[in-house]
Amino acid sequence: MERPTASSRHQASIKPIEDRRLLGISMTLGAFLLFTGIDTSAKWLVLSGLPSLEVVFARYSVHLLIVLAWFLPQFGPQVFKTSAPKLEIMRAVVLLGSTIFNFFAVAYLPLTVTSSILFASPILLCVLSIPLLGEQVGWRRWVAILVGFAGVLVIVQPGGSGFHWAMFLSLGAVTSYAFYNIFNRKLAGVDSPYTQQLYAALIATLCLLPFAFNGWIWPSDTVGWIAFFAMGIFGALGHLLLTVAHRLAQASVLAPFVYPQIIYMSLSSWLIFGQPPDIWIYVGAPIVIGSGLYIWLRERQIATRI
């Protein structure tokens, strides 16, 4: 039997969109557990004195080394082949933007606050799905969107004593992340998940390269070195899971499963950084979660009638 070539293996890795929601949901839950590891590692490094842009560069450059070592031996130069270069570039740029906003935010805010603000992403994704994915949104969903936004305001407390300007950075991360998921769905079944991971890491690394070594500081202890490399490992595995998940289920199905991350983040923030959740998170997060879950349940009901 003829041995498969790198080109044929790469072509076989581009699989069509499927309806395997439970598997997609499971992968999404695993991805957000890994993303908690990214944020925890990043916060540790920034608090240790490493510049935020250096931390972002380390996250993507290690990610790039991993995907090159993993995918090039399997697929050769074919892993660079894309059927949608513009979408790949836009996806990589918004993912990089989300990371930059988030890594700067975690330097000032507890992980519980940054993750709670991230809960607005399913709501924003619902809004963006109208012009970008051609979906229709009825009045019930619009009400849920407004309620969810009110929940975000409860958490952020603009003008209140708990308000911090870095919360605007988290809102920037939310916006970028919503666009990232739109592009994930658009690329599903178009490029292989391996090609998507390669371009995400490559473009981010190239964009950051001119700025990363300005005031470079190496980690000073073993924990710092572990965090330095763990970001890229968590990123490569987590985004691979999330990319495949968007091939197995619609973006609107997966979106609410960002919510369990508040459990992961709360434990990390409390146990590692000694920052227990603020009272307003307990008030605002259920509002945002409830609005997002309502949107999800409403869409599932509509889908069963079709």
C-alpha atoms as a PDB file:
ATOM      1  CA  MET A   1       0.000   0.000   0.000  1.00  0.00           C
ATOM      2  CA  GLU A   2       1.271   3.460  -0.949  1.00  0.00           C
ATOM      3  CA  ARG A   3       2.242   5.584   2.034  1.00  0.00           C
ATOM      4  CA  PRO A   4       0.208   8.817   2.376  1.00  0.00           C
ATOM      5  CA  THR A   5       2.129  11.938   1.425  1.00  0.00           C
ATOM      6  CA  ALA A   6       2.317  15.085   3.571  1.00  0.00           C
ATOM      7  CA  SER A   7      -0.004  16.798   1.087  1.00  0.00           C
ATOM      8  CA  SER A   8      -2.628  14.047   1.275  1.00  0.00           C
ATOM      9  CA  ARG A   9      -2.432  13.994   5.076  1.00  0.00           C
ATOM     10  CA  HIS A  10      -2.972  17.752   5.184  1.00  0.00           C
ATOM     11  CA  GLN A  11      -5.923  17.543   2.776  1.00  0.00           C
ATOM     12  CA  ALA A  12      -7.466  14.803   4.915  1.00  0.00           C
ATOM     13  CA  SER A  13      -7.156  17.031   7.988  1.00  0.00           C
ATOM     14  CA  ILE A  14      -9.617  19.549   6.459  1.00  0.00           C
ATOM     15  CA  LYS A  15     -12.840  17.974   7.644  1.00  0.00           C
ATOM     16  CA  PRO A  16     -16.388  19.186   6.894  1.00  0.00           C
ATOM     17  CA  ILE A  17     -18.675  20.836   9.417  1.00  0.00           C
ATOM     18  CA  GLU A  18     -20.485  18.273  11.585  1.00  0.00           C
ATOM     19  CA  ASP A  19     -23.297  18.379  14.135  1.00  0.00           C
ATOM     20  CA  ARG A  20     -21.644  16.789  17.187  1.00  0.00           C
ATOM     21  CA  ARG A  21     -22.625  19.293  19.833  1.00  0.00           C
ATOM     22  CA  LEU A  22     -21.772  17.315  22.964  1.00  0.00           C
ATOM     23  CA  LEU A  23     -18.228  16.696  21.766  1.00  0.00           C
ATOM     24  CA  GLY A  24     -17.912  20.345  20.722  1.00  0.00           C
ATOM     25  CA  ILE A  25     -19.169  21.495  24.128  1.00  0.00           C
ATOM     26  CA  SER A  26     -16.739  19.165  25.918  1.00  0.00           C
ATOM     27  CA  MET A  27     -13.847  20.542  23.886  1.00  0.00           C
ATOM     28  CA  THR A  28     -14.930  24.101  24.672  1.00  0.00           C
ATOM     29  CA  LEU A  29     -15.008  23.380  28.407  1.00  0.00           C
ATOM     30  CA  GLY A  30     -11.515  21.900  28.173  1.00  0.00           C
ATOM     31  CA  ALA A  31     -10.301  24.880  26.150  1.00  0.00           C
ATOM     32  CA  PHE A  32     -11.419  27.391  28.772  1.00  0.00           C
ATOM     33  CA  LEU A  33      -9.733  25.410  31.513  1.00  0.00           C
ATOM     34  CA  LEU A  34      -6.503  25.760  29.514  1.00  0.00           C
ATOM     35  CA  PHE A  35      -7.189  29.454  28.900  1.00  0.00           C
ATOM     36  CA  THR A  36      -7.379  29.925  32.662  1.00  0.00           C
ATOM     37  CA  GLY A  37      -3.856  28.536  32.752  1.00  0.00           C
ATOM     38  CA  ILE A  38      -2.774  31.174  30.196  1.00  0.00           C
ATOM     39  CA  ASP A  39      -4.233  34.055  32.222  1.00  0.00           C
ATOM     40  CA  THR A  40      -2.841  32.717  35.499  1.00  0.00           C
ATOM     41  CA  SER A  41       0.647  32.330  34.020  1.00  0.00           C
ATOM     42  CA  ALA A  42       0.485  35.773  32.401  1.00  0.00           C
ATOM     43  CA  LYS A  43      -0.595  37.469  35.622  1.00  0.00           C
ATOM     44  CA  TRP A  44       2.186  35.719  37.540  1.00  0.00           C
ATOM     45  CA  LEU A  45       4.816  36.934  35.059  1.00  0.00           C
ATOM     46  CA  VAL A  46       3.512  40.505  34.881  1.00  0.00           C
ATOM     47  CA  LEU A  47       3.391  40.760  38.669  1.00  0.00           C
ATOM     48  CA  SER A  48       6.970  39.410  38.707  1.00  0.00           C
ATOM     49  CA  GLY A  49       8.061  42.441  36.718  1.00  0.00           C
ATOM     50  CA  LEU A  50       8.077  41.198  33.113  1.00  0.00           C
ATOM     51  CA  PRO A  51       6.729  43.776  30.598  1.00  0.00           C
ATOM     52  CA  SER A  52       3.236  42.929  29.336  1.00  0.00           C
ATOM     53  CA  LEU A  53       4.234  42.969  25.652  1.00  0.00           C
ATOM     54  CA  GLU A  54       7.096  40.592  26.413  1.00  0.00           C
ATOM     55  CA  VAL A  55       4.632  38.228  28.091  1.00  0.00           C
ATOM     56  CA  VAL A  56       2.323  38.355  25.046  1.00  0.00           C
ATOM     57  CA  PHE A  57       5.308  37.678  22.771  1.00  0.00           C
ATOM     58  CA  ALA A  58       6.385  34.715  24.892  1.00  0.00           C
ATOM     59  CA  ARG A  59       2.860  33.316  24.790  1.00  0.00           C
ATOM     60  CA  TYR A  60       2.750  33.347  20.963  1.00  0.00           C
ATOM     61  CA  SER A  61       6.393  32.568  20.162  1.00  0.00           C
ATOM     62  CA  VAL A  62       6.288  29.416  22.311  1.00  0.00           C
ATOM     63  CA  HIS A  63       2.944  28.588  20.693  1.00  0.00           C
ATOM     64  CA  LEU A  64       4.594  28.974  17.270  1.00  0.00           C
ATOM     65  CA  LEU A  65       7.527  26.718  18.177  1.00  0.00           C
ATOM     66  CA  ILE A  66       5.100  24.049  19.376  1.00  0.00           C
ATOM     67  CA  VAL A  67       2.946  24.049  16.239  1.00  0.00           C
ATOM     68  CA  LEU A  68       5.998  24.054  13.951  1.00  0.00           C
ATOM     69  CA  ALA A  69       7.552  21.108  15.804  1.00  0.00           C
ATOM     70  CA  TRP A  70       4.208  19.300  15.888  1.00  0.00           C
ATOM     71  CA  PHE A  71       2.727  19.953  12.441  1.00  0.00           C
ATOM     72  CA  LEU A  72       5.653  20.427  10.044  1.00  0.00           C
ATOM     73  CA  PRO A  73       6.874  16.806  10.353  1.00  0.00           C
ATOM     74  CA  GLN A  74       3.328  15.599   9.630  1.00  0.00           C
ATOM     75  CA  PHE A  75       2.243  17.920   6.834  1.00  0.00           C
ATOM     76  CA  GLY A  76       5.393  19.615   5.564  1.00  0.00           C
ATOM     77  CA  PRO A  77       5.019  22.997   3.795  1.00  0.00           C
ATOM     78  CA  GLN A  78       1.379  22.094   3.035  1.00  0.00           C
ATOM     79  CA  VAL A  79       0.459  23.218   6.551  1.00  0.00           C
ATOM     80  CA  PHE A  80       0.974  26.799   5.307  1.00  0.00           C
ATOM     81  CA  LYS A  81      -1.594  26.296   2.527  1.00  0.00           C
ATOM     82  CA  THR A  82      -4.794  28.253   3.161  1.00  0.00           C
ATOM     83  CA  SER A  83      -7.951  28.703   1.122  1.00  0.00           C
ATOM     84  CA  ALA A  84      -8.865  31.914   2.960  1.00  0.00           C
ATOM     85  CA  PRO A  85      -5.735  33.990   3.682  1.00  0.00           C
ATOM     86  CA  LYS A  86      -7.669  37.180   4.511  1.00  0.00           C
ATOM     87  CA  LEU A  87      -9.814  35.362   7.077  1.00  0.00           C
ATOM     88  CA  GLU A  88      -6.729  33.745   8.589  1.00  0.00           C
ATOM     89  CA  ILE A  89      -5.041  37.135   8.964  1.00  0.00           C
ATOM     90  CA  MET A  90      -8.128  38.783  10.467  1.00  0.00           C
ATOM     91  CA  ARG A  91      -8.631  35.865  12.856  1.00  0.00           C
ATOM     92  CA  ALA A  92      -5.001  36.061  13.987  1.00  0.00           C
ATOM     93  CA  VAL A  93      -5.143  39.846  14.467  1.00  0.00           C
ATOM     94  CA  VAL A  94      -8.300  39.831  16.617  1.00  0.00           C
ATOM     95  CA  LEU A  95      -6.941  36.949  18.700  1.00  0.00           C
ATOM     96  CA  LEU A  96      -3.735  38.893  19.244  1.00  0.00           C
ATOM     97  CA  GLY A  97      -5.767  41.978  20.157  1.00  0.00           C
ATOM     98  CA  SER A  98      -7.770  39.988  22.684  1.00  0.00           C
ATOM     99  CA  THR A  99      -4.572  38.677  24.269  1.00  0.00           C
ATOM    100  CA  ILE A 100      -2.907  42.099  24.458  1.00  0.00           C
ATOM    101  CA  PHE A 101      -5.970  43.724  26.019  1.00  0.00           C
ATOM    102  CA  ASN A 102      -6.362  40.855  28.471  1.00  0.00           C
ATOM    103  CA  PHE A 103      -2.711  40.598  29.539  1.00  0.00           C
ATOM    104  CA  PHE A 104      -2.555  44.318  30.249  1.00  0.00           C
ATOM    105  CA  ALA A 105      -5.850  44.084  32.162  1.00  0.00           C
ATOM    106  CA  VAL A 106      -4.766  41.204  34.424  1.00  0.00           C
ATOM    107  CA  ALA A 107      -1.864  43.322  35.623  1.00  0.00           C
ATOM    108  CA  TYR A 108      -4.396  45.577  37.375  1.00  0.00           C
ATOM    109  CA  LEU A 109      -7.519  43.483  37.902  1.00  0.00           C
ATOM    110  CA  PRO A 110      -8.297  40.201  39.680  1.00  0.00           C
ATOM    111  CA  LEU A 111      -8.854  37.245  37.353  1.00  0.00           C
ATOM    112  CA  THR A 112     -12.428  37.015  38.626  1.00  0.00           C
ATOM    113  CA  VAL A 113     -13.170  40.506  37.270  1.00  0.00           C
ATOM    114  CA  THR A 114     -11.566  39.958  33.843  1.00  0.00           C
ATOM    115  CA  SER A 115     -13.347  36.618  33.404  1.00  0.00           C
ATOM    116  CA  SER A 116     -16.706  38.053  34.511  1.00  0.00           C
ATOM    117  CA  ILE A 117     -16.456  40.835  31.937  1.00  0.00           C
ATOM    118  CA  LEU A 118     -15.634  38.141  29.373  1.00  0.00           C
ATOM    119  CA  PHE A 119     -19.144  36.841  30.007  1.00  0.00           C
ATOM    120  CA  ALA A 120     -20.371  39.610  27.705  1.00  0.00           C
ATOM    121  CA  SER A 121     -18.827  37.793  24.728  1.00  0.00           C
ATOM    122  CA  PRO A 122     -21.842  35.519  24.003  1.00  0.00           C
ATOM    123  CA  ILE A 123     -24.058  38.604  23.978  1.00  0.00           C
ATOM    124  CA  LEU A 124     -21.756  40.522  21.644  1.00  0.00           C
ATOM    125  CA  LEU A 125     -21.386  37.429  19.484  1.00  0.00           C
ATOM    126  CA  CYS A 126     -25.177  37.373  19.135  1.00  0.00           C
ATOM    127  CA  VAL A 127     -25.126  40.987  17.929  1.00  0.00           C
ATOM    128  CA  LEU A 128     -22.282  40.398  15.463  1.00  0.00           C
ATOM    129  CA  SER A 129     -23.915  37.277  14.058  1.00  0.00           C
ATOM    130  CA  ILE A 130     -26.533  39.448  12.343  1.00  0.00           C
ATOM    131  CA  PRO A 131     -24.273  41.242   9.833  1.00  0.00           C
ATOM    132  CA  LEU A 132     -21.414  38.732   9.764  1.00  0.00           C
ATOM    133  CA  LEU A 133     -23.167  35.352   9.816  1.00  0.00           C
ATOM    134  CA  GLY A 134     -26.525  36.401   8.386  1.00  0.00           C
ATOM    135  CA  GLU A 135     -28.517  35.407  11.468  1.00  0.00           C
ATOM    136  CA  GLN A 136     -31.758  37.076  12.584  1.00  0.00           C
ATOM    137  CA  VAL A 137     -32.320  38.345  16.124  1.00  0.00           C
ATOM    138  CA  GLY A 138     -35.850  38.804  17.494  1.00  0.00           C
ATOM    139  CA  TRP A 139     -37.040  41.107  20.253  1.00  0.00           C
ATOM    140  CA  ARG A 140     -36.608  38.455  22.972  1.00  0.00           C
ATOM    141  CA  ARG A 141     -32.941  38.152  22.211  1.00  0.00           C
ATOM    142  CA  TRP A 142     -32.542  41.925  22.149  1.00  0.00           C
ATOM    143  CA  VAL A 143     -34.079  42.102  25.632  1.00  0.00           C
ATOM    144  CA  ALA A 144     -31.671  39.414  26.813  1.00  0.00           C
ATOM    145  CA  ILE A 145     -28.766  41.349  25.264  1.00  0.00           C
ATOM    146  CA  LEU A 146     -29.723  44.518  27.163  1.00  0.00           C
ATOM    147  CA  VAL A 147     -30.149  42.585  30.420  1.00  0.00           C
ATOM    148  CA  GLY A 148     -26.738  41.016  29.940  1.00  0.00           C
ATOM    149  CA  PHE A 149     -25.184  44.417  29.307  1.00  0.00           C
ATOM    150  CA  ALA A 150     -26.763  45.632  32.546  1.00  0.00           C
ATOM    151  CA  GLY A 151     -25.071  42.718  34.310  1.00  0.00           C
ATOM    152  CA  VAL A 152     -21.713  43.790  32.909  1.00  0.00           C
ATOM    153  CA  LEU A 153     -22.318  47.314  34.240  1.00  0.00           C
ATOM    154  CA  VAL A 154     -23.026  45.831  37.689  1.00  0.00           C
ATOM    155  CA  ILE A 155     -19.657  44.070  37.610  1.00  0.00           C
ATOM    156  CA  VAL A 156     -17.713  47.014  36.174  1.00  0.00           C
ATOM    157  CA  GLN A 157     -19.397  49.613  38.459  1.00  0.00           C
ATOM    158  CA  PRO A 158     -18.472  52.635  36.302  1.00  0.00           C
ATOM    159  CA  GLY A 159     -17.954  55.636  38.539  1.00  0.00           C
ATOM    160  CA  GLY A 160     -18.038  53.492  41.674  1.00  0.00           C
ATOM    161  CA  SER A 161     -15.250  52.933  44.160  1.00  0.00           C
ATOM    162  CA  GLY A 162     -14.499  49.522  42.664  1.00  0.00           C
ATOM    163  CA  PHE A 163     -14.175  50.868  39.129  1.00  0.00           C
ATOM    164  CA  HIS A 164     -10.747  50.716  37.496  1.00  0.00           C
ATOM    165  CA  TRP A 165      -9.819  52.097  34.088  1.00  0.00           C
ATOM    166  CA  ALA A 166      -8.298  48.706  33.158  1.00  0.00           C
ATOM    167  CA  MET A 167     -11.840  47.350  32.867  1.00  0.00           C
ATOM    168  CA  PHE A 168     -11.971  49.087  29.494  1.00  0.00           C
ATOM    169  CA  LEU A 169      -9.080  46.842  28.458  1.00  0.00           C
ATOM    170  CA  SER A 170     -11.190  43.822  29.372  1.00  0.00           C
ATOM    171  CA  LEU A 171     -14.044  45.191  27.270  1.00  0.00           C
ATOM    172  CA  GLY A 172     -11.586  45.470  24.370  1.00  0.00           C
ATOM    173  CA  ALA A 173     -10.610  41.845  24.946  1.00  0.00           C
ATOM    174  CA  VAL A 174     -14.290  40.840  24.892  1.00  0.00           C
ATOM    175  CA  THR A 175     -14.870  42.610  21.563  1.00  0.00           C
ATOM    176  CA  SER A 176     -11.791  41.053  19.974  1.00  0.00           C
ATOM    177  CA  TYR A 177     -12.705  37.621  21.299  1.00  0.00           C
ATOM    178  CA  ALA A 178     -16.216  37.823  19.843  1.00  0.00           C
ATOM    179  CA  PHE A 179     -14.776  38.572  16.396  1.00  0.00           C
ATOM    180  CA  TYR A 180     -12.324  35.686  16.877  1.00  0.00           C
ATOM    181  CA  ASN A 181     -15.209  33.259  17.333  1.00  0.00           C
ATOM    182  CA  ILE A 182     -16.971  34.664  14.262  1.00  0.00           C
ATOM    183  CA  PHE A 183     -13.858  33.930  12.204  1.00  0.00           C
ATOM    184  CA  ASN A 184     -13.530  30.487  13.801  1.00  0.00           C
ATOM    185  CA  ARG A 185     -16.950  29.593  12.452  1.00  0.00           C
ATOM    186  CA  LYS A 186     -16.240  31.114   9.035  1.00  0.00           C
ATOM    187  CA  LEU A 187     -13.044  29.070   8.718  1.00  0.00           C
ATOM    188  CA  ALA A 188     -14.638  25.804   9.892  1.00  0.00           C
ATOM    189  CA  GLY A 189     -14.369  23.258   7.086  1.00  0.00           C
ATOM    190  CA  VAL A 190     -12.296  25.706   4.982  1.00  0.00           C
ATOM    191  CA  ASP A 191      -8.807  25.346   6.476  1.00  0.00           C
ATOM    192  CA  SER A 192      -7.467  22.624   8.720  1.00  0.00           C
ATOM    193  CA  PRO A 193      -7.279  23.401  12.459  1.00  0.00           C
ATOM    194  CA  TYR A 194      -3.515  22.949  12.182  1.00  0.00           C
ATOM    195  CA  THR A 195      -3.214  25.658   9.528  1.00  0.00           C
ATOM    196  CA  GLN A 196      -5.368  27.952  11.654  1.00  0.00           C
ATOM    197  CA  GLN A 197      -3.123  27.425  14.679  1.00  0.00           C
ATOM    198  CA  LEU A 198      -0.003  28.057  12.620  1.00  0.00           C
ATOM    199  CA  TYR A 199      -1.215  31.370  11.220  1.00  0.00           C
ATOM    200  CA  ALA A 200      -2.544  32.570  14.579  1.00  0.00           C
ATOM    201  CA  ALA A 201       0.839  32.013  16.225  1.00  0.00           C
ATOM    202  CA  LEU A 202       2.958  33.127  13.257  1.00  0.00           C
ATOM    203  CA  ILE A 203       1.184  36.430  12.587  1.00  0.00           C
ATOM    204  CA  ALA A 204       1.070  37.359  16.281  1.00  0.00           C
ATOM    205  CA  THR A 205       4.783  36.587  16.703  1.00  0.00           C
ATOM    206  CA  LEU A 206       5.744  38.658  13.651  1.00  0.00           C
ATOM    207  CA  CYS A 207       3.576  41.594  14.772  1.00  0.00           C
ATOM    208  CA  LEU A 208       5.129  41.620  18.241  1.00  0.00           C
ATOM    209  CA  LEU A 209       8.737  40.978  17.212  1.00  0.00           C
ATOM    210  CA  PRO A 210       9.706  44.675  16.698  1.00  0.00           C
ATOM    211  CA  PHE A 211       8.505  45.593  20.201  1.00  0.00           C
ATOM    212  CA  ALA A 212       9.098  42.507  22.335  1.00  0.00           C
ATOM    213  CA  PHE A 213      12.759  43.026  23.209  1.00  0.00           C
ATOM    214  CA  ASN A 214      12.399  46.595  24.451  1.00  0.00           C
ATOM    215  CA  GLY A 215      13.307  46.230  28.126  1.00  0.00           C
ATOM    216  CA  TRP A 216      13.387  42.419  27.986  1.00  0.00           C
ATOM    217  CA  ILE A 217      13.525  40.685  31.394  1.00  0.00           C
ATOM    218  CA  TRP A 218      14.055  36.939  31.823  1.00  0.00           C
ATOM    219  CA  PRO A 219      12.135  35.044  34.537  1.00  0.00           C
ATOM    220  CA  SER A 220      14.082  34.978  37.787  1.00  0.00           C
ATOM    221  CA  ASP A 221      12.916  31.696  39.314  1.00  0.00           C
ATOM    222  CA  THR A 222      11.694  28.197  38.442  1.00  0.00           C
ATOM    223  CA  VAL A 223       8.011  29.084  38.756  1.00  0.00           C
ATOM    224  CA  GLY A 224       8.517  32.008  36.402  1.00  0.00           C
ATOM    225  CA  TRP A 225      10.167  29.795  33.781  1.00  0.00           C
ATOM    226  CA  ILE A 226       7.336  27.266  34.050  1.00  0.00           C
ATOM    227  CA  ALA A 227       4.769  30.041  33.555  1.00  0.00           C
ATOM    228  CA  PHE A 228       6.838  31.450  30.664  1.00  0.00           C
ATOM    229  CA  PHE A 229       6.558  28.231  28.639  1.00  0.00           C
ATOM    230  CA  ALA A 230       3.184  27.101  30.000  1.00  0.00           C
ATOM    231  CA  MET A 231       1.393  30.010  28.296  1.00  0.00           C
ATOM    232  CA  GLY A 232       2.365  28.768  24.843  1.00  0.00           C
ATOM    233  CA  ILE A 233       1.537  25.155  25.668  1.00  0.00           C
ATOM    234  CA  PHE A 234      -1.863  26.056  27.103  1.00  0.00           C
ATOM    235  CA  GLY A 235      -2.492  28.358  24.128  1.00  0.00           C
ATOM    236  CA  ALA A 236      -1.631  25.780  21.469  1.00  0.00           C
ATOM    237  CA  LEU A 237      -3.756  23.042  23.047  1.00  0.00           C
ATOM    238  CA  GLY A 238      -6.641  25.301  24.080  1.00  0.00           C
ATOM    239  CA  HIS A 239      -7.083  27.023  20.739  1.00  0.00           C
ATOM    240  CA  LEU A 240      -6.760  23.734  18.869  1.00  0.00           C
ATOM    241  CA  LEU A 241      -9.631  22.385  20.966  1.00  0.00           C
ATOM    242  CA  LEU A 242     -11.709  25.518  20.388  1.00  0.00           C
ATOM    243  CA  THR A 243     -11.027  25.508  16.641  1.00  0.00           C
ATOM    244  CA  VAL A 244     -12.195  21.902  16.298  1.00  0.00           C
ATOM    245  CA  ALA A 245     -15.199  22.617  18.548  1.00  0.00           C
ATOM    246  CA  HIS A 246     -16.404  25.302  16.110  1.00  0.00           C
ATOM    247  CA  ARG A 247     -16.436  22.685  13.361  1.00  0.00           C
ATOM    248  CA  LEU A 248     -18.608  20.414  15.496  1.00  0.00           C
ATOM    249  CA  ALA A 249     -21.141  22.970  16.758  1.00  0.00           C
ATOM    250  CA  GLN A 250     -22.437  26.430  15.913  1.00  0.00           C
ATOM    251  CA  ALA A 251     -20.845  29.440  17.552  1.00  0.00           C
ATOM    252  CA  SER A 252     -24.120  30.300  19.321  1.00  0.00           C
ATOM    253  CA  VAL A 253     -24.231  26.796  20.828  1.00  0.00           C
ATOM    254  CA  LEU A 254     -20.693  27.005  22.183  1.00  0.00           C
ATOM    255  CA  ALA A 255     -20.755  30.640  23.311  1.00  0.00           C
ATOM    256  CA  PRO A 256     -22.455  30.163  26.734  1.00  0.00           C
ATOM    257  CA  PHE A 257     -19.875  27.573  27.756  1.00  0.00           C
ATOM    258  CA  VAL A 258     -17.422  30.349  28.483  1.00  0.00           C
ATOM    259  CA  TYR A 259     -19.331  30.718  31.760  1.00  0.00           C
ATOM    260  CA  PRO A 260     -17.751  27.825  33.730  1.00  0.00           C
ATOM    261  CA  GLN A 261     -14.481  29.717  33.432  1.00  0.00           C
ATOM    262  CA  ILE A 262     -15.600  31.908  36.336  1.00  0.00           C
ATOM    263  CA  ILE A 263     -15.197  28.822  38.550  1.00  0.00           C
ATOM    264  CA  TYR A 264     -11.682  28.154  37.232  1.00  0.00           C
ATOM    265  CA  MET A 265     -10.719  31.831  37.468  1.00  0.00           C
ATOM    266  CA  SER A 266     -12.162  32.280  40.955  1.00  0.00           C
ATOM    267  CA  LEU A 267     -10.143  29.348  42.276  1.00  0.00           C
ATOM    268  CA  SER A 268      -6.979  30.563  40.572  1.00  0.00           C
ATOM    269  CA  SER A 269      -7.432  34.161  41.732  1.00  0.00           C
ATOM    270  CA  TRP A 270      -8.181  33.133  45.294  1.00  0.00           C
ATOM    271  CA  LEU A 271      -5.689  30.276  45.782  1.00  0.00           C
ATOM    272  CA  ILE A 272      -2.730  31.648  43.805  1.00  0.00           C
ATOM    273  CA  PHE A 273      -3.061  35.425  44.102  1.00  0.00           C
ATOM    274  CA  GLY A 274      -5.071  35.768  47.311  1.00  0.00           C
ATOM    275  CA  GLN A 275      -7.830  37.779  45.593  1.00  0.00           C
ATOM    276  CA  PRO A 276     -11.273  36.471  46.588  1.00  0.00           C
ATOM    277  CA  PRO A 277     -14.255  37.438  44.412  1.00  0.00           C
ATOM    278  CA  ASP A 278     -15.812  40.883  44.911  1.00  0.00           C
ATOM    279  CA  ILE A 279     -19.457  41.021  46.031  1.00  0.00           C
ATOM    280  CA  TRP A 280     -20.530  42.667  42.751  1.00  0.00           C
ATOM    281  CA  ILE A 281     -19.339  39.652  40.802  1.00  0.00           C
ATOM    282  CA  TYR A 282     -21.852  37.497  42.689  1.00  0.00           C
ATOM    283  CA  VAL A 283     -24.571  40.012  41.737  1.00  0.00           C
ATOM    284  CA  GLY A 284     -23.599  40.806  38.151  1.00  0.00           C
ATOM    285  CA  ALA A 285     -22.264  37.483  36.868  1.00  0.00           C
ATOM    286  CA  PRO A 286     -25.581  35.596  37.337  1.00  0.00           C
ATOM    287  CA  ILE A 287     -27.341  38.353  35.366  1.00  0.00           C
ATOM    288  CA  VAL A 288     -24.931  38.028  32.457  1.00  0.00           C
ATOM    289  CA  ILE A 289     -24.984  34.225  32.652  1.00  0.00           C
ATOM    290  CA  GLY A 290     -28.777  34.187  32.734  1.00  0.00           C
ATOM    291  CA  SER A 291     -29.085  36.429  29.674  1.00  0.00           C
ATOM    292  CA  GLY A 292     -26.590  34.353  27.702  1.00  0.00           C
ATOM    293  CA  LEU A 293     -28.230  31.065  28.656  1.00  0.00           C
ATOM    294  CA  TYR A 294     -31.631  32.474  27.702  1.00  0.00           C
ATOM    295  CA  ILE A 295     -30.286  33.313  24.233  1.00  0.00           C
ATOM    296  CA  TRP A 296     -28.849  29.816  23.921  1.00  0.00           C
ATOM    297  CA  LEU A 297     -32.008  28.038  25.102  1.00  0.00           C
ATOM    298  CA  ARG A 298     -34.187  30.200  22.877  1.00  0.00           C
ATOM    299  CA  GLU A 299     -32.080  29.306  19.835  1.00  0.00           C
ATOM    300  CA  ARG A 300     -32.228  25.620  20.668  1.00  0.00           C
ATOM    301  CA  GLN A 301     -36.020  25.775  20.912  1.00  0.00           C
ATOM    302  CA  ILE A 302     -36.234  27.463  17.528  1.00  0.00           C
ATOM    303  CA  ALA A 303     -33.883  24.901  16.012  1.00  0.00           C
ATOM    304  CA  THR A 304     -36.059  21.980  17.154  1.00  0.00           C
ATOM    305  CA  ARG A 305     -39.098  23.483  15.413  1.00  0.00           C
ATOM    306  CA  ILE A 306     -37.384  23.672  12.042  1.00  0.00           C
END
